[in-house]
Amino acid sequence: MTKPASFCSMALLYTATILLFAMGAGCSSSPEKSENYSRVTQAIIEQGEAALKAYDKEKGMETSNIFSAIYFDIFEGSGMEMAIGKKNTKEKVELESYFSQIIAATIKGAPRSELDAPWQKLCTRLKEIGERTLVPPGQKIKLPGKEQ
């Protein structure tokens, strides 16, 4: 038994609409040009520094939640993660791994010294990758409290 032509047409139209919506949702208007990733990097570092300064290994989940928010709300929410991933997937995964290392260490209540290496790598690589791929040529990312 075949379906009426109008049903098939509606199903096709519905599917096409869903696909167009899904493609459009992932394709915002050139995030690299509309977002100031220097400011995004500064926000990540300022908030991360504050979280690490207040870190208490007995309350590691609090710091874990802060770093999760930094990752999802700032790094991902600004479009920076996607902009980096569009240019170099390996570098995006590298940055994600530093966030993961910090979050995992804070969840287990690791000593502050265990957070320093992944945090410094994250800060350094955010700046390097951002300057090379996301900001106009010759522009530098100014980090909070650091002389350039």
Protein backbone atom coordinates (compact mmCIF):
# COMPACT_ATOMS: atom_id res chain seq x y z
CA MET A 1 0.00 0.00 0.00
CA THR A 2 1.42 3.37 -0.97
CA LYS A 3 1.11 6.58 0.97
CA PRO A 4 -0.80 9.46 -0.59
CA ALA A 5 1.36 11.95 -2.47
CA SER A 6 0.50 14.73 -0.03
CA PHE A 7 1.82 12.66 2.91
CA CYS A 8 5.12 12.00 1.12
CA SER A 9 5.42 15.67 0.17
CA MET A 10 4.80 16.74 3.76
CA ALA A 11 7.33 14.23 5.09
CA LEU A 12 9.92 15.44 2.59
CA LEU A 13 9.22 19.08 3.44
CA TYR A 14 9.44 18.32 7.17
CA THR A 15 12.77 16.48 6.74
CA ALA A 16 14.20 19.28 4.59
CA THR A 17 13.14 21.89 7.16
CA ILE A 18 14.79 19.96 10.00
CA LEU A 19 18.01 19.55 8.00
CA LEU A 20 18.14 23.23 7.06
CA PHE A 21 17.53 24.25 10.66
CA ALA A 22 20.22 21.87 11.94
CA MET A 23 22.76 23.13 9.40
CA GLY A 24 21.96 26.74 10.20
CA ALA A 25 22.24 26.19 13.95
CA GLY A 26 25.84 25.06 13.58
CA CYS A 27 26.80 27.78 11.12
CA SER A 28 26.61 31.10 12.88
CA SER A 29 27.79 34.08 10.92
CA SER A 30 31.55 33.70 10.98
CA PRO A 31 32.31 33.64 14.73
CA GLU A 32 35.98 34.35 14.04
CA LYS A 33 35.12 37.80 12.72
CA SER A 34 32.30 38.69 15.11
CA GLU A 35 33.89 37.73 18.42
CA ASN A 36 36.86 39.30 20.14
CA TYR A 37 38.75 36.17 21.16
CA SER A 38 41.37 38.25 22.93
CA ARG A 39 38.66 39.23 25.43
CA VAL A 40 37.41 35.65 25.61
CA THR A 41 40.93 34.42 26.42
CA GLN A 42 41.30 37.13 29.06
CA ALA A 43 37.99 36.13 30.66
CA ILE A 44 38.97 32.46 30.75
CA ILE A 45 42.29 33.28 32.39
CA GLU A 46 40.91 35.84 34.86
CA GLN A 47 38.16 33.50 36.05
CA GLY A 48 40.48 30.49 36.12
CA GLU A 49 43.09 32.39 38.16
CA ALA A 50 40.43 33.49 40.65
CA ALA A 51 39.12 29.92 40.96
CA LEU A 52 42.60 28.51 41.53
CA LYS A 53 43.45 31.22 44.04
CA ALA A 54 40.38 30.25 46.08
CA TYR A 55 40.90 26.49 45.55
CA ASP A 56 40.42 24.34 48.63
CA LYS A 57 40.98 20.65 47.95
CA GLU A 58 38.31 19.81 50.53
CA LYS A 59 35.79 21.68 48.35
CA GLY A 60 37.13 20.58 44.98
CA MET A 61 33.67 20.20 43.45
CA GLU A 62 33.13 23.96 43.76
CA THR A 63 36.24 24.63 41.69
CA SER A 64 35.29 21.85 39.30
CA ASN A 65 31.94 23.53 38.72
CA ILE A 66 33.64 26.87 38.08
CA PHE A 67 35.98 25.35 35.49
CA SER A 68 33.06 23.52 33.87
CA ALA A 69 31.26 26.86 33.60
CA ILE A 70 34.37 28.50 32.16
CA TYR A 71 34.56 25.75 29.57
CA PHE A 72 30.88 25.63 28.58
CA ASP A 73 29.83 29.25 29.10
CA ILE A 74 32.94 31.05 27.91
CA PHE A 75 35.15 28.80 25.76
CA GLU A 76 32.34 26.94 24.05
CA GLY A 77 29.59 29.54 24.46
CA SER A 78 31.61 32.31 22.77
CA GLY A 79 32.20 30.17 19.71
CA MET A 80 35.94 30.04 20.38
CA GLU A 81 35.99 26.24 20.67
CA MET A 82 34.21 25.86 17.32
CA ALA A 83 36.39 28.50 15.64
CA ILE A 84 39.56 26.68 16.74
CA GLY A 85 38.09 23.29 15.78
CA LYS A 86 37.26 24.52 12.29
CA LYS A 87 40.90 25.42 11.78
CA ASN A 88 42.62 22.61 13.68
CA THR A 89 40.78 19.76 15.41
CA LYS A 90 43.91 18.52 17.20
CA GLU A 91 44.44 21.89 18.87
CA LYS A 92 40.80 22.05 19.95
CA VAL A 93 41.12 18.59 21.51
CA GLU A 94 44.39 19.63 23.18
CA LEU A 95 42.71 22.61 24.85
CA GLU A 96 39.74 20.47 25.89
CA SER A 97 42.14 17.98 27.48
CA TYR A 98 43.67 20.69 29.70
CA PHE A 99 40.20 21.70 30.90
CA SER A 100 39.45 18.01 31.56
CA GLN A 101 42.68 17.51 33.51
CA ILE A 102 41.93 20.51 35.73
CA ILE A 103 38.32 19.47 36.30
CA ALA A 104 39.31 15.86 37.10
CA ALA A 105 42.03 16.99 39.52
CA THR A 106 39.68 19.33 41.38
CA ILE A 107 36.97 16.66 41.62
CA LYS A 108 39.39 14.28 43.33
CA GLY A 109 40.65 17.05 45.64
CA ALA A 110 44.19 17.01 44.28
CA PRO A 111 46.82 19.29 45.80
CA ARG A 112 47.05 22.69 44.13
CA SER A 113 50.46 21.75 42.69
CA GLU A 114 48.76 19.14 40.46
CA LEU A 115 46.61 21.86 38.89
CA ASP A 116 49.46 24.18 38.00
CA ALA A 117 50.91 22.28 35.01
CA PRO A 118 47.65 21.80 33.06
CA TRP A 119 46.57 25.35 33.95
CA GLN A 120 49.81 26.90 32.67
CA LYS A 121 49.65 24.78 29.51
CA LEU A 122 46.04 25.83 28.94
CA CYS A 123 46.88 29.53 29.36
CA THR A 124 49.94 29.33 27.11
CA ARG A 125 48.22 27.34 24.37
CA LEU A 126 45.06 29.49 24.42
CA LYS A 127 47.23 32.53 23.79
CA GLU A 128 49.40 30.86 21.12
CA ILE A 129 46.52 29.26 19.23
CA GLY A 130 44.38 32.36 19.52
CA GLU A 131 47.07 34.69 18.20
CA ARG A 132 47.90 32.37 15.33
CA THR A 133 44.39 31.49 14.23
CA LEU A 134 41.73 33.78 15.68
CA VAL A 135 42.91 37.38 15.91
CA PRO A 136 43.94 39.71 13.09
CA PRO A 137 47.60 39.43 12.00
CA GLY A 138 49.93 41.35 14.28
CA GLN A 139 47.41 41.60 17.12
CA LYS A 140 48.51 40.06 20.39
CA ILE A 141 46.34 38.62 23.11
CA LYS A 142 47.00 40.55 26.30
CA LEU A 143 46.77 38.39 29.35
CA PRO A 144 45.61 39.83 32.66
CA GLY A 145 48.43 40.89 34.96
CA LYS A 146 51.15 40.03 32.45
CA GLU A 147 53.44 42.46 30.68
CA GLN A 148 53.62 41.72 26.97
